Amino acid sequence: GEIKNLDLIKPLHAALADRPELRLEWIAAHSGNRWNEYADSLS
């Protein structure tokens, strides 16, 4: 059925396809990783 948040997913998918030098990776939340915690604080 519906793809939720398609208005964000579609342009972001295209942007990442145009930027093969960028790699998207998962990092564990609230595990003491300094810059993940920093991004959490910004959010």
Full PDB file with SEQRES, HELIX, SHEET, SSBOND, CRYST1, ORIGX, SCALE, CONECT and MASTER records, all heavy atoms in Angstrom:
SEQRES   1 A   43  GLY GLU ILE LYS ASN LEU ASP LEU ILE LYS PRO LEU HIS          
SEQRES   2 A   43  ALA ALA LEU ALA ASP ARG PRO GLU LEU ARG LEU GLU TRP          
SEQRES   3 A   43  ILE ALA ALA HIS SER GLY ASN ARG TRP ASN GLU TYR ALA          
SEQRES   4 A   43  ASP SER LEU SER                                              
HELIX    1 AA1 LEU A    6  ALA A   17  1                                  12    
HELIX    2 AA2 ARG A   34  LEU A   42  1                                   9    
CRYST1    1.000    1.000    1.000  90.00  90.00  90.00 P 1           1          
ORIGX1      1.000000  0.000000  0.000000        0.00000                         
ORIGX2      0.000000  1.000000  0.000000        0.00000                         
ORIGX3      0.000000  0.000000  1.000000        0.00000                         
SCALE1      1.000000  0.000000  0.000000        0.00000                         
SCALE2      0.000000  1.000000  0.000000        0.00000                         
SCALE3      0.000000  0.000000  1.000000        0.00000                         
ATOM      1  N   GLY A   1       0.809  -1.215   0.000  1.00  0.00           N  
ATOM      2  CA  GLY A   1       0.000   0.000   0.000  1.00  0.00           C  
ATOM      3  C   GLY A   1       0.838   1.259   0.000  1.00  0.00           C  
ATOM      4  O   GLY A   1       1.886   1.332  -0.637  1.00  0.00           O  
ATOM      5  N   GLU A   2       0.395   2.245   0.750  1.00  0.00           N  
ATOM      6  CA  GLU A   2       1.028   3.562   0.767  1.00  0.00           C  
ATOM      7  C   GLU A   2       2.465   3.499   1.286  1.00  0.00           C  
ATOM      8  O   GLU A   2       2.781   2.754   2.215  1.00  0.00           O  
ATOM      9  CB  GLU A   2       0.211   4.499   1.666  1.00  0.00           C  
ATOM     10  CG  GLU A   2       0.822   5.883   1.845  1.00  0.00           C  
ATOM     11  CD  GLU A   2       0.134   6.689   2.933  1.00  0.00           C  
ATOM     12  OE1 GLU A   2      -0.739   6.116   3.615  1.00  0.00           O  
ATOM     13  OE2 GLU A   2       0.499   7.868   3.108  1.00  0.00           O  
ATOM     14  N   ILE A   3       3.339   4.285   0.661  1.00  0.00           N  
ATOM     15  CA  ILE A   3       4.700   4.462   1.160  1.00  0.00           C  
ATOM     16  C   ILE A   3       4.690   5.715   2.023  1.00  0.00           C  
ATOM     17  O   ILE A   3       4.554   6.831   1.526  1.00  0.00           O  
ATOM     18  CB  ILE A   3       5.708   4.626   0.007  1.00  0.00           C  
ATOM     19  CG1 ILE A   3       5.674   3.405  -0.905  1.00  0.00           C  
ATOM     20  CG2 ILE A   3       7.110   4.842   0.564  1.00  0.00           C  
ATOM     21  CD1 ILE A   3       6.533   3.556  -2.151  1.00  0.00           C  
ATOM     22  N   LYS A   4       4.830   5.517   3.315  1.00  0.00           N  
ATOM     23  CA  LYS A   4       4.816   6.661   4.218  1.00  0.00           C  
ATOM     24  C   LYS A   4       6.078   7.505   4.032  1.00  0.00           C  
ATOM     25  O   LYS A   4       7.152   6.991   3.774  1.00  0.00           O  
ATOM     26  CB  LYS A   4       4.710   6.189   5.666  1.00  0.00           C  
ATOM     27  CG  LYS A   4       3.374   5.555   6.004  1.00  0.00           C  
ATOM     28  CD  LYS A   4       3.304   5.197   7.481  1.00  0.00           C  
ATOM     29  CE  LYS A   4       1.950   4.598   7.830  1.00  0.00           C  
ATOM     30  NZ  LYS A   4       1.858   4.243   9.275  1.00  0.00           N  
ATOM     31  N   ASN A   5       5.911   8.806   4.158  1.00  0.00           N  
ATOM     32  CA  ASN A   5       7.020   9.768   4.070  1.00  0.00           C  
ATOM     33  C   ASN A   5       7.686   9.772   2.697  1.00  0.00           C  
ATOM     34  O   ASN A   5       8.869  10.095   2.573  1.00  0.00           O  
ATOM     35  CB  ASN A   5       8.067   9.486   5.157  1.00  0.00           C  
ATOM     36  CG  ASN A   5       7.482   9.515   6.545  1.00  0.00           C  
ATOM     37  OD1 ASN A   5       6.688  10.391   6.877  1.00  0.00           O  
ATOM     38  ND2 ASN A   5       7.853   8.544   7.379  1.00  0.00           N  
ATOM     39  N   LEU A   6       6.910   9.459   1.668  1.00  0.00           N  
ATOM     40  CA  LEU A   6       7.467   9.426   0.318  1.00  0.00           C  
ATOM     41  C   LEU A   6       8.008  10.786  -0.106  1.00  0.00           C  
ATOM     42  O   LEU A   6       8.966  10.873  -0.879  1.00  0.00           O  
ATOM     43  CB  LEU A   6       6.399   8.954  -0.670  1.00  0.00           C  
ATOM     44  CG  LEU A   6       6.847   8.766  -2.128  1.00  0.00           C  
ATOM     45  CD1 LEU A   6       7.997   7.769  -2.224  1.00  0.00           C  
ATOM     46  CD2 LEU A   6       5.671   8.319  -2.996  1.00  0.00           C  
ATOM     47  N   ASP A   7       7.409  11.867   0.388  1.00  0.00           N  
ATOM     48  CA  ASP A   7       7.874  13.209   0.044  1.00  0.00           C  
ATOM     49  C   ASP A   7       9.307  13.451   0.507  1.00  0.00           C  
ATOM     50  O   ASP A   7      10.017  14.287  -0.062  1.00  0.00           O  
ATOM     51  CB  ASP A   7       6.954  14.271   0.633  1.00  0.00           C  
ATOM     52  CG  ASP A   7       6.877  14.211   2.150  1.00  0.00           C  
ATOM     53  OD1 ASP A   7       6.776  13.094   2.702  1.00  0.00           O  
ATOM     54  OD2 ASP A   7       6.921  15.278   2.793  1.00  0.00           O  
ATOM     55  N   LEU A   8       9.750  12.707   1.522  1.00  0.00           N  
ATOM     56  CA  LEU A   8      11.129  12.801   1.991  1.00  0.00           C  
ATOM     57  C   LEU A   8      12.006  11.704   1.393  1.00  0.00           C  
ATOM     58  O   LEU A   8      13.163  11.938   1.039  1.00  0.00           O  
ATOM     59  CB  LEU A   8      11.171  12.702   3.522  1.00  0.00           C  
ATOM     60  CG  LEU A   8      10.460  13.808   4.310  1.00  0.00           C  
ATOM     61  CD1 LEU A   8      10.509  13.497   5.804  1.00  0.00           C  
ATOM     62  CD2 LEU A   8      11.103  15.160   4.037  1.00  0.00           C  
ATOM     63  N   ILE A   9      11.455  10.504   1.296  1.00  0.00           N  
ATOM     64  CA  ILE A   9      12.229   9.349   0.825  1.00  0.00           C  
ATOM     65  C   ILE A   9      12.649   9.494  -0.630  1.00  0.00           C  
ATOM     66  O   ILE A   9      13.811   9.233  -0.985  1.00  0.00           O  
ATOM     67  CB  ILE A   9      11.415   8.053   1.009  1.00  0.00           C  
ATOM     68  CG1 ILE A   9      11.218   7.771   2.495  1.00  0.00           C  
ATOM     69  CG2 ILE A   9      12.100   6.878   0.325  1.00  0.00           C  
ATOM     70  CD1 ILE A   9      10.223   6.659   2.777  1.00  0.00           C  
ATOM     71  N   LYS A  10      11.732   9.939  -1.484  1.00  0.00           N  
ATOM     72  CA  LYS A  10      12.021  10.002  -2.915  1.00  0.00           C  
ATOM     73  C   LYS A  10      13.190  10.936  -3.241  1.00  0.00           C  
ATOM     74  O   LYS A  10      14.147  10.532  -3.917  1.00  0.00           O  
ATOM     75  CB  LYS A  10      10.753  10.404  -3.683  1.00  0.00           C  
ATOM     76  CG  LYS A  10      10.857  10.249  -5.190  1.00  0.00           C  
ATOM     77  CD  LYS A  10       9.493  10.505  -5.833  1.00  0.00           C  
ATOM     78  CE  LYS A  10       9.558  10.361  -7.344  1.00  0.00           C  
ATOM     79  NZ  LYS A  10       8.226  10.603  -7.964  1.00  0.00           N  
ATOM     80  N   PRO A  11      13.181  12.198  -2.792  1.00  0.00           N  
ATOM     81  CA  PRO A  11      14.330  13.067  -3.089  1.00  0.00           C  
ATOM     82  C   PRO A  11      15.609  12.633  -2.380  1.00  0.00           C  
ATOM     83  O   PRO A  11      16.708  12.809  -2.913  1.00  0.00           O  
ATOM     84  CB  PRO A  11      13.877  14.450  -2.609  1.00  0.00           C  
ATOM     85  CG  PRO A  11      12.769  14.189  -1.645  1.00  0.00           C  
ATOM     86  CD  PRO A  11      12.097  12.941  -2.109  1.00  0.00           C  
ATOM     87  N   LEU A  12      15.490  12.042  -1.198  1.00  0.00           N  
ATOM     88  CA  LEU A  12      16.681  11.593  -0.482  1.00  0.00           C  
ATOM     89  C   LEU A  12      17.310  10.386  -1.171  1.00  0.00           C  
ATOM     90  O   LEU A  12      18.540  10.276  -1.256  1.00  0.00           O  
ATOM     91  CB  LEU A  12      16.314  11.260   0.967  1.00  0.00           C  
ATOM     92  CG  LEU A  12      17.467  10.906   1.918  1.00  0.00           C  
ATOM     93  CD1 LEU A  12      18.592  11.928   1.821  1.00  0.00           C  
ATOM     94  CD2 LEU A  12      16.947  10.823   3.339  1.00  0.00           C  
ATOM     95  N   HIS A  13      16.483   9.498  -1.676  1.00  0.00           N  
ATOM     96  CA  HIS A  13      16.984   8.353  -2.452  1.00  0.00           C  
ATOM     97  C   HIS A  13      17.740   8.845  -3.673  1.00  0.00           C  
ATOM     98  O   HIS A  13      18.833   8.342  -4.000  1.00  0.00           O  
ATOM     99  CB  HIS A  13      15.807   7.471  -2.869  1.00  0.00           C  
ATOM    100  CG  HIS A  13      16.176   6.329  -3.752  1.00  0.00           C  
ATOM    101  ND1 HIS A  13      16.006   6.359  -5.120  1.00  0.00           N  
ATOM    102  CD2 HIS A  13      16.725   5.116  -3.476  1.00  0.00           C  
ATOM    103  CE1 HIS A  13      16.411   5.221  -5.648  1.00  0.00           C  
ATOM    104  NE2 HIS A  13      16.852   4.456  -4.670  1.00  0.00           N  
ATOM    105  N   ALA A  14      17.200   9.852  -4.352  1.00  0.00           N  
ATOM    106  CA  ALA A  14      17.868  10.410  -5.524  1.00  0.00           C  
ATOM    107  C   ALA A  14      19.170  11.101  -5.150  1.00  0.00           C  
ATOM    108  O   ALA A  14      20.189  10.980  -5.851  1.00  0.00           O  
ATOM    109  CB  ALA A  14      16.931  11.388  -6.237  1.00  0.00           C  
ATOM    110  N   ALA A  15      19.162  11.822  -4.037  1.00  0.00           N  
ATOM    111  CA  ALA A  15      20.357  12.540  -3.597  1.00  0.00           C  
ATOM    112  C   ALA A  15      21.487  11.569  -3.273  1.00  0.00           C  
ATOM    113  O   ALA A  15      22.655  11.796  -3.636  1.00  0.00           O  
ATOM    114  CB  ALA A  15      20.033  13.393  -2.379  1.00  0.00           C  
ATOM    115  N   LEU A  16      21.165  10.467  -2.610  1.00  0.00           N  
ATOM    116  CA  LEU A  16      22.188   9.473  -2.277  1.00  0.00           C  
ATOM    117  C   LEU A  16      22.689   8.751  -3.530  1.00  0.00           C  
ATOM    118  O   LEU A  16      23.870   8.414  -3.624  1.00  0.00           O  
ATOM    119  CB  LEU A  16      21.627   8.468  -1.266  1.00  0.00           C  
ATOM    120  CG  LEU A  16      21.395   9.016   0.148  1.00  0.00           C  
ATOM    121  CD1 LEU A  16      20.633   8.000   0.992  1.00  0.00           C  
ATOM    122  CD2 LEU A  16      22.717   9.371   0.814  1.00  0.00           C  
ATOM    123  N   ALA A  17      21.791   8.539  -4.482  1.00  0.00           N  
ATOM    124  CA  ALA A  17      22.210   7.913  -5.741  1.00  0.00           C  
ATOM    125  C   ALA A  17      23.184   8.808  -6.504  1.00  0.00           C  
ATOM    126  O   ALA A  17      24.102   8.321  -7.180  1.00  0.00           O  
ATOM    127  CB  ALA A  17      20.979   7.610  -6.600  1.00  0.00           C  
ATOM    128  N   ASP A  18      23.006  10.118  -6.396  1.00  0.00           N  
ATOM    129  CA  ASP A  18      23.891  11.075  -7.059  1.00  0.00           C  
ATOM    130  C   ASP A  18      25.202  11.275  -6.300  1.00  0.00           C  
ATOM    131  O   ASP A  18      26.119  11.913  -6.819  1.00  0.00           O  
ATOM    132  CB  ASP A  18      23.188  12.441  -7.189  1.00  0.00           C  
ATOM    133  CG  ASP A  18      22.079  12.429  -8.225  1.00  0.00           C  
ATOM    134  OD1 ASP A  18      22.088  11.524  -9.088  1.00  0.00           O  
ATOM    135  OD2 ASP A  18      21.211  13.314  -8.154  1.00  0.00           O  
ATOM    136  N   ARG A  19      25.275  10.749  -5.078  1.00  0.00           N  
ATOM    137  CA  ARG A  19      26.461  10.935  -4.242  1.00  0.00           C  
ATOM    138  C   ARG A  19      27.030   9.576  -3.819  1.00  0.00           C  
ATOM    139  O   ARG A  19      26.969   9.191  -2.643  1.00  0.00           O  
ATOM    140  CB  ARG A  19      26.108  11.761  -3.000  1.00  0.00           C  
ATOM    141  CG  ARG A  19      25.540  13.157  -3.258  1.00  0.00           C  
ATOM    142  CD  ARG A  19      26.610  14.131  -3.721  1.00  0.00           C  
ATOM    143  NE  ARG A  19      27.688  14.233  -2.748  1.00  0.00           N  
ATOM    144  CZ  ARG A  19      27.667  15.026  -1.672  1.00  0.00           C  
ATOM    145  NH1 ARG A  19      26.599  15.786  -1.435  1.00  0.00           N  
ATOM    146  NH2 ARG A  19      28.690  15.076  -0.855  1.00  0.00           N  
ATOM    147  N   PRO A  20      27.606   8.806  -4.767  1.00  0.00           N  
ATOM    148  CA  PRO A  20      28.121   7.471  -4.422  1.00  0.00           C  
ATOM    149  C   PRO A  20      29.264   7.502  -3.415  1.00  0.00           C  
ATOM    150  O   PRO A  20      29.607   6.465  -2.842  1.00  0.00           O  
ATOM    151  CB  PRO A  20      28.577   6.918  -5.773  1.00  0.00           C  
ATOM    152  CG  PRO A  20      28.847   8.121  -6.613  1.00  0.00           C  
ATOM    153  CD  PRO A  20      27.818   9.127  -6.190  1.00  0.00           C  
ATOM    154  N   GLU A  21      29.848   8.677  -3.201  1.00  0.00           N  
ATOM    155  CA  GLU A  21      30.924   8.787  -2.214  1.00  0.00           C  
ATOM    156  C   GLU A  21      30.403   8.784  -0.782  1.00  0.00           C  
ATOM    157  O   GLU A  21      31.186   8.694   0.179  1.00  0.00           O  
ATOM    158  CB  GLU A  21      31.745  10.061  -2.462  1.00  0.00           C  
ATOM    159  CG  GLU A  21      31.083  11.363  -2.075  1.00  0.00           C  
ATOM    160  CD  GLU A  21      30.168  11.944  -3.151  1.00  0.00           C  
ATOM    161  OE1 GLU A  21      29.769  11.185  -4.051  1.00  0.00           O  
ATOM    162  OE2 GLU A  21      29.857  13.155  -3.085  1.00  0.00           O  
ATOM    163  N   LEU A  22      29.069   8.855  -0.631  1.00  0.00           N  
ATOM    164  CA  LEU A  22      28.457   8.837   0.697  1.00  0.00           C  
ATOM    165  C   LEU A  22      27.913   7.444   1.006  1.00  0.00           C  
ATOM    166  O   LEU A  22      27.281   6.812   0.161  1.00  0.00           O  
ATOM    167  CB  LEU A  22      27.329   9.865   0.786  1.00  0.00           C  
ATOM    168  CG  LEU A  22      27.708  11.325   0.542  1.00  0.00           C  
ATOM    169  CD1 LEU A  22      26.470  12.204   0.634  1.00  0.00           C  
ATOM    170  CD2 LEU A  22      28.784  11.790   1.516  1.00  0.00           C  
ATOM    171  N   ARG A  23      28.143   6.985   2.216  1.00  0.00           N  
ATOM    172  CA  ARG A  23      27.678   5.671   2.651  1.00  0.00           C  
ATOM    173  C   ARG A  23      26.819   5.842   3.890  1.00  0.00           C  
ATOM    174  O   ARG A  23      27.215   6.515   4.845  1.00  0.00           O  
ATOM    175  CB  ARG A  23      28.877   4.779   2.961  1.00  0.00           C  
ATOM    176  CG  ARG A  23      28.500   3.358   3.371  1.00  0.00           C  
ATOM    177  CD  ARG A  23      29.737   2.530   3.642  1.00  0.00           C  
ATOM    178  NE  ARG A  23      30.500   3.049   4.770  1.00  0.00           N  
ATOM    179  CZ  ARG A  23      31.606   2.488   5.240  1.00  0.00           C  
ATOM    180  NH1 ARG A  23      32.114   1.437   4.646  1.00  0.00           N  
ATOM    181  NH2 ARG A  23      32.228   3.012   6.284  1.00  0.00           N  
ATOM    182  N   LEU A  24      25.631   5.223   3.880  1.00  0.00           N  
ATOM    183  CA  LEU A  24      24.714   5.307   5.011  1.00  0.00           C  
ATOM    184  C   LEU A  24      24.881   4.070   5.874  1.00  0.00           C  
ATOM    185  O   LEU A  24      24.774   2.942   5.391  1.00  0.00           O  
ATOM    186  CB  LEU A  24      23.272   5.422   4.518  1.00  0.00           C  
ATOM    187  CG  LEU A  24      22.189   5.618   5.576  1.00  0.00           C  
ATOM    188  CD1 LEU A  24      22.376   6.919   6.329  1.00  0.00           C  
ATOM    189  CD2 LEU A  24      20.799   5.578   4.922  1.00  0.00           C  
ATOM    190  N   GLU A  25      25.164   4.271   7.166  1.00  0.00           N  
ATOM    191  CA  GLU A  25      25.409   3.153   8.075  1.00  0.00           C  
ATOM    192  C   GLU A  25      24.610   3.331   9.363  1.00  0.00           C  
ATOM    193  O   GLU A  25      24.368   4.453   9.810  1.00  0.00           O  
ATOM    194  CB  GLU A  25      26.901   3.061   8.436  1.00  0.00           C  
ATOM    195  CG  GLU A  25      27.810   2.721   7.271  1.00  0.00           C  
ATOM    196  CD  GLU A  25      27.720   1.261   6.862  1.00  0.00           C  
ATOM    197  OE1 GLU A  25      27.179   0.454   7.658  1.00  0.00           O  
ATOM    198  OE2 GLU A  25      28.197   0.919   5.764  1.00  0.00           O  
ATOM    199  N   TRP A  26      24.243   2.203   9.982  1.00  0.00           N  
ATOM    200  CA  TRP A  26      23.539   2.208  11.265  1.00  0.00           C  
ATOM    201  C   TRP A  26      24.545   2.231  12.408  1.00  0.00           C  
ATOM    202  O   TRP A  26      25.617   1.614  12.331  1.00  0.00           O  
ATOM    203  CB  TRP A  26      22.661   0.974  11.381  1.00  0.00           C  
ATOM    204  CG  TRP A  26      21.920   0.878  12.687  1.00  0.00           C  
ATOM    205  CD1 TRP A  26      20.775   1.525  13.039  1.00  0.00           C  
ATOM    206  CD2 TRP A  26      22.290   0.095  13.821  1.00  0.00           C  
ATOM    207  NE1 TRP A  26      20.400   1.197  14.312  1.00  0.00           N  
ATOM    208  CE2 TRP A  26      21.318   0.319  14.820  1.00  0.00           C  
ATOM    209  CE3 TRP A  26      23.350  -0.771  14.084  1.00  0.00           C  
ATOM    210  CZ2 TRP A  26      21.371  -0.298  16.065  1.00  0.00           C  
ATOM    211  CZ3 TRP A  26      23.413  -1.388  15.329  1.00  0.00           C  
ATOM    212  CH2 TRP A  26      22.437  -1.151  16.303  1.00  0.00           C  
ATOM    213  N   ILE A  27      24.199   2.954  13.482  1.00  0.00           N  
ATOM    214  CA  ILE A  27      24.991   2.973  14.710  1.00  0.00           C  
ATOM    215  C   ILE A  27      24.032   2.839  15.882  1.00  0.00           C  
ATOM    216  O   ILE A  27      22.918   3.380  15.848  1.00  0.00           O  
ATOM    217  CB  ILE A  27      25.834   4.268  14.817  1.00  0.00           C  
ATOM    218  CG1 ILE A  27      26.829   4.192  15.973  1.00  0.00           C  
ATOM    219  CG2 ILE A  27      24.944   5.505  14.939  1.00  0.00           C  
ATOM    220  CD1 ILE A  27      27.844   5.326  15.983  1.00  0.00           C  
ATOM    221  N   ALA A  28      24.427   2.095  16.892  1.00  0.00           N  
ATOM    222  CA  ALA A  28      23.542   1.843  18.032  1.00  0.00           C  
ATOM    223  C   ALA A  28      23.245   3.135  18.797  1.00  0.00           C  
ATOM    224  O   ALA A  28      24.150   3.934  19.061  1.00  0.00           O  
ATOM    225  CB  ALA A  28      24.162   0.817  18.971  1.00  0.00           C  
ATOM    226  N   ALA A  29      21.989   3.311  19.162  1.00  0.00           N  
ATOM    227  CA  ALA A  29      21.574   4.485  19.932  1.00  0.00           C  
ATOM    228  C   ALA A  29      21.910   4.317  21.401  1.00  0.00           C  
ATOM    229  O   ALA A  29      21.889   3.211  21.939  1.00  0.00           O  
ATOM    230  CB  ALA A  29      20.072   4.703  19.773  1.00  0.00           C  
ATOM    231  N   HIS A  30      22.244   5.425  22.063  1.00  0.00           N  
ATOM    232  CA  HIS A  30      22.452   5.467  23.511  1.00  0.00           C  
ATOM    233  C   HIS A  30      23.409   4.376  23.982  1.00  0.00           C  
ATOM    234  O   HIS A  30      23.171   3.701  24.981  1.00  0.00           O  
ATOM    235  CB  HIS A  30      21.114   5.364  24.231  1.00  0.00           C  
ATOM    236  CG  HIS A  30      20.172   6.467  23.864  1.00  0.00           C  
ATOM    237  ND1 HIS A  30      20.378   7.782  24.245  1.00  0.00           N  
ATOM    238  CD2 HIS A  30      19.051   6.460  23.113  1.00  0.00           C  
ATOM    239  CE1 HIS A  30      19.396   8.529  23.756  1.00  0.00           C  
ATOM    240  NE2 HIS A  30      18.592   7.755  23.071  1.00  0.00           N  
ATOM    241  N   SER A  31      24.499   4.202  23.240  1.00  0.00           N  
ATOM    242  CA  SER A  31      25.517   3.215  23.595  1.00  0.00           C  
ATOM    243  C   SER A  31      26.845   3.873  23.923  1.00  0.00           C  
ATOM    244  O   SER A  31      27.885   3.214  23.939  1.00  0.00           O  
ATOM    245  CB  SER A  31      25.696   2.205  22.454  1.00  0.00           C  
ATOM    246  OG  SER A  31      24.521   1.445  22.277  1.00  0.00           O  
ATOM    247  N   GLY A  32      26.827   5.170  24.156  1.00  0.00           N  
ATOM    248  CA  GLY A  32      28.045   5.863  24.543  1.00  0.00           C  
ATOM    249  C   GLY A  32      28.902   6.343  23.405  1.00  0.00           C  
ATOM    250  O   GLY A  32      30.021   6.819  23.626  1.00  0.00           O  
ATOM    251  N   ASN A  33      28.404   6.246  22.162  1.00  0.00           N  
ATOM    252  CA  ASN A  33      29.144   6.766  21.016  1.00  0.00           C  
ATOM    253  C   ASN A  33      29.042   8.293  21.014  1.00  0.00           C  
ATOM    254  O   ASN A  33      27.943   8.850  20.892  1.00  0.00           O  
ATOM    255  CB  ASN A  33      28.590   6.193  19.709  1.00  0.00           C  
ATOM    256  CG  ASN A  33      28.819   4.702  19.601  1.00  0.00           C  
ATOM    257  OD1 ASN A  33      29.953   4.223  19.681  1.00  0.00           O  
ATOM    258  ND2 ASN A  33      27.739   3.947  19.433  1.00  0.00           N  
ATOM    259  N   ARG A  34      30.177   8.937  21.148  1.00  0.00           N  
ATOM    260  CA  ARG A  34      30.203  10.372  21.403  1.00  0.00           C  
ATOM    261  C   ARG A  34      29.371  11.179  20.413  1.00  0.00           C  
ATOM    262  O   ARG A  34      28.535  12.006  20.804  1.00  0.00           O  
ATOM    263  CB  ARG A  34      31.651  10.863  21.370  1.00  0.00           C  
ATOM    264  CG  ARG A  34      31.787  12.335  21.747  1.00  0.00           C  
ATOM    265  CD  ARG A  34      33.211  12.809  21.653  1.00  0.00           C  
ATOM    266  NE  ARG A  34      33.477  13.843  22.649  1.00  0.00           N  
ATOM    267  CZ  ARG A  34      34.592  14.561  22.698  1.00  0.00           C  
ATOM    268  NH1 ARG A  34      35.555  14.344  21.818  1.00  0.00           N  
ATOM    269  NH2 ARG A  34      34.753  15.482  23.632  1.00  0.00           N  
ATOM    270  N   TRP A  35      29.578  10.951  19.133  1.00  0.00           N  
ATOM    271  CA  TRP A  35      28.940  11.830  18.151  1.00  0.00           C  
ATOM    272  C   TRP A  35      27.500  11.446  17.863  1.00  0.00           C  
ATOM    273  O   TRP A  35      26.699  12.278  17.431  1.00  0.00           O  
ATOM    274  CB  TRP A  35      29.793  11.911  16.893  1.00  0.00           C  
ATOM    275  CG  TRP A  35      31.123  12.519  17.200  1.00  0.00           C  
ATOM    276  CD1 TRP A  35      32.342  11.904  17.246  1.00  0.00           C  
ATOM    277  CD2 TRP A  35      31.364  13.886  17.602  1.00  0.00           C  
ATOM    278  NE1 TRP A  35      33.329  12.785  17.629  1.00  0.00           N  
ATOM    279  CE2 TRP A  35      32.756  14.010  17.848  1.00  0.00           C  
ATOM    280  CE3 TRP A  35      30.553  15.000  17.767  1.00  0.00           C  
ATOM    281  CZ2 TRP A  35      33.334  15.215  18.256  1.00  0.00           C  
ATOM    282  CZ3 TRP A  35      31.119  16.203  18.172  1.00  0.00           C  
ATOM    283  CH2 TRP A  35      32.496  16.297  18.408  1.00  0.00           C  
ATOM    284  N   ASN A  36      27.141  10.182  18.137  1.00  0.00           N  
ATOM    285  CA  ASN A  36      25.732   9.820  18.087  1.00  0.00           C  
ATOM    286  C   ASN A  36      24.982  10.502  19.229  1.00  0.00           C  
ATOM    287  O   ASN A  36      23.871  11.011  19.046  1.00  0.00           O  
ATOM    288  CB  ASN A  36      25.561   8.309  18.169  1.00  0.00           C  
ATOM    289  CG  ASN A  36      24.108   7.902  18.336  1.00  0.00           C  
ATOM    290  OD1 ASN A  36      23.685   7.521  19.429  1.00  0.00           O  
ATOM    291  ND2 ASN A  36      23.323   7.999  17.282  1.00  0.00           N  
ATOM    292  N   GLU A  37      25.605  10.522  20.407  1.00  0.00           N  
ATOM    293  CA  GLU A  37      24.999  11.215  21.542  1.00  0.00           C  
ATOM    294  C   GLU A  37      24.891  12.718  21.265  1.00  0.00           C  
ATOM    295  O   GLU A  37      23.919  13.368  21.662  1.00  0.00           O  
ATOM    296  CB  GLU A  37      25.827  10.983  22.811  1.00  0.00           C  
ATOM    297  CG  GLU A  37      25.971   9.524  23.222  1.00  0.00           C  
ATOM    298  CD  GLU A  37      24.702   8.943  23.820  1.00  0.00           C  
ATOM    299  OE1 GLU A  37      23.737   9.700  24.028  1.00  0.00           O  
ATOM    300  OE2 GLU A  37      24.684   7.726  24.078  1.00  0.00           O  
ATOM    301  N   TYR A  38      25.892  13.245  20.575  1.00  0.00           N  
ATOM    302  CA  TYR A  38      25.885  14.676  20.240  1.00  0.00           C  
ATOM    303  C   TYR A  38      24.728  14.987  19.282  1.00  0.00           C  
ATOM    304  O   TYR A  38      24.007  15.978  19.459  1.00  0.00           O  
ATOM    305  CB  TYR A  38      27.222  15.047  19.604  1.00  0.00           C  
ATOM    306  CG  TYR A  38      27.460  16.530  19.429  1.00  0.00           C  
ATOM    307  CD1 TYR A  38      28.227  17.229  20.359  1.00  0.00           C  
ATOM    308  CD2 TYR A  38      26.952  17.222  18.341  1.00  0.00           C  
ATOM    309  CE1 TYR A  38      28.469  18.594  20.202  1.00  0.00           C  
ATOM    310  CE2 TYR A  38      27.183  18.583  18.175  1.00  0.00           C  
ATOM    311  CZ  TYR A  38      27.949  19.256  19.109  1.00  0.00           C  
ATOM    312  OH  TYR A  38      28.178  20.604  18.953  1.00  0.00           O  
ATOM    313  N   ALA A  39      24.550  14.136  18.259  1.00  0.00           N  
ATOM    314  CA  ALA A  39      23.430  14.325  17.328  1.00  0.00           C  
ATOM    315  C   ALA A  39      22.102  14.201  18.053  1.00  0.00           C  
ATOM    316  O   ALA A  39      21.146  14.941  17.766  1.00  0.00           O  
ATOM    317  CB  ALA A  39      23.512  13.310  16.190  1.00  0.00           C  
ATOM    318  N   ASP A  40      22.026  13.263  18.987  1.00  0.00           N  
ATOM    319  CA  ASP A  40      20.827  13.120  19.815  1.00  0.00           C  
ATOM    320  C   ASP A  40      20.543  14.416  20.562  1.00  0.00           C  
ATOM    321  O   ASP A  40      19.396  14.879  20.638  1.00  0.00           O  
ATOM    322  CB  ASP A  40      21.037  11.967  20.795  1.00  0.00           C  
ATOM    323  CG  ASP A  40      19.887  11.817  21.779  1.00  0.00           C  
ATOM    324  OD1 ASP A  40      19.903  12.516  22.820  1.00  0.00           O  
ATOM    325  OD2 ASP A  40      18.992  11.009  21.516  1.00  0.00           O  
ATOM    326  N   SER A  41      21.594  15.020  21.110  1.00  0.00           N  
ATOM    327  CA  SER A  41      21.438  16.273  21.842  1.00  0.00           C  
ATOM    328  C   SER A  41      20.950  17.387  20.925  1.00  0.00           C  
ATOM    329  O   SER A  41      20.087  18.188  21.307  1.00  0.00           O  
ATOM    330  CB  SER A  41      22.777  16.674  22.482  1.00  0.00           C  
ATOM    331  OG  SER A  41      22.658  17.891  23.187  1.00  0.00           O  
ATOM    332  N   LEU A  42      21.466  17.440  19.712  1.00  0.00           N  
ATOM    333  CA  LEU A  42      20.991  18.434  18.747  1.00  0.00           C  
ATOM    334  C   LEU A  42      19.507  18.232  18.434  1.00  0.00           C  
ATOM    335  O   LEU A  42      18.747  19.198  18.314  1.00  0.00           O  
ATOM    336  CB  LEU A  42      21.796  18.345  17.455  1.00  0.00           C  
ATOM    337  CG  LEU A  42      23.234  18.851  17.474  1.00  0.00           C  
ATOM    338  CD1 LEU A  42      23.884  18.581  16.112  1.00  0.00           C  
ATOM    339  CD2 LEU A  42      23.314  20.337  17.803  1.00  0.00           C  
ATOM    340  N   SER A  43      19.097  16.969  18.315  1.00  0.00           N  
ATOM    341  CA  SER A  43      17.712  16.690  17.929  1.00  0.00           C  
ATOM    342  C   SER A  43      16.717  17.054  19.029  1.00  0.00           C  
ATOM    343  O   SER A  43      15.529  17.254  18.754  1.00  0.00           O  
ATOM    344  CB  SER A  43      17.556  15.210  17.550  1.00  0.00           C  
ATOM    345  OG  SER A  43      17.530  14.381  18.686  1.00  0.00           O  
TER     346      SER A  43                                                      
MASTER        0    0    0    2    0    0    0    6  345    1    0    4          
END                                                                             
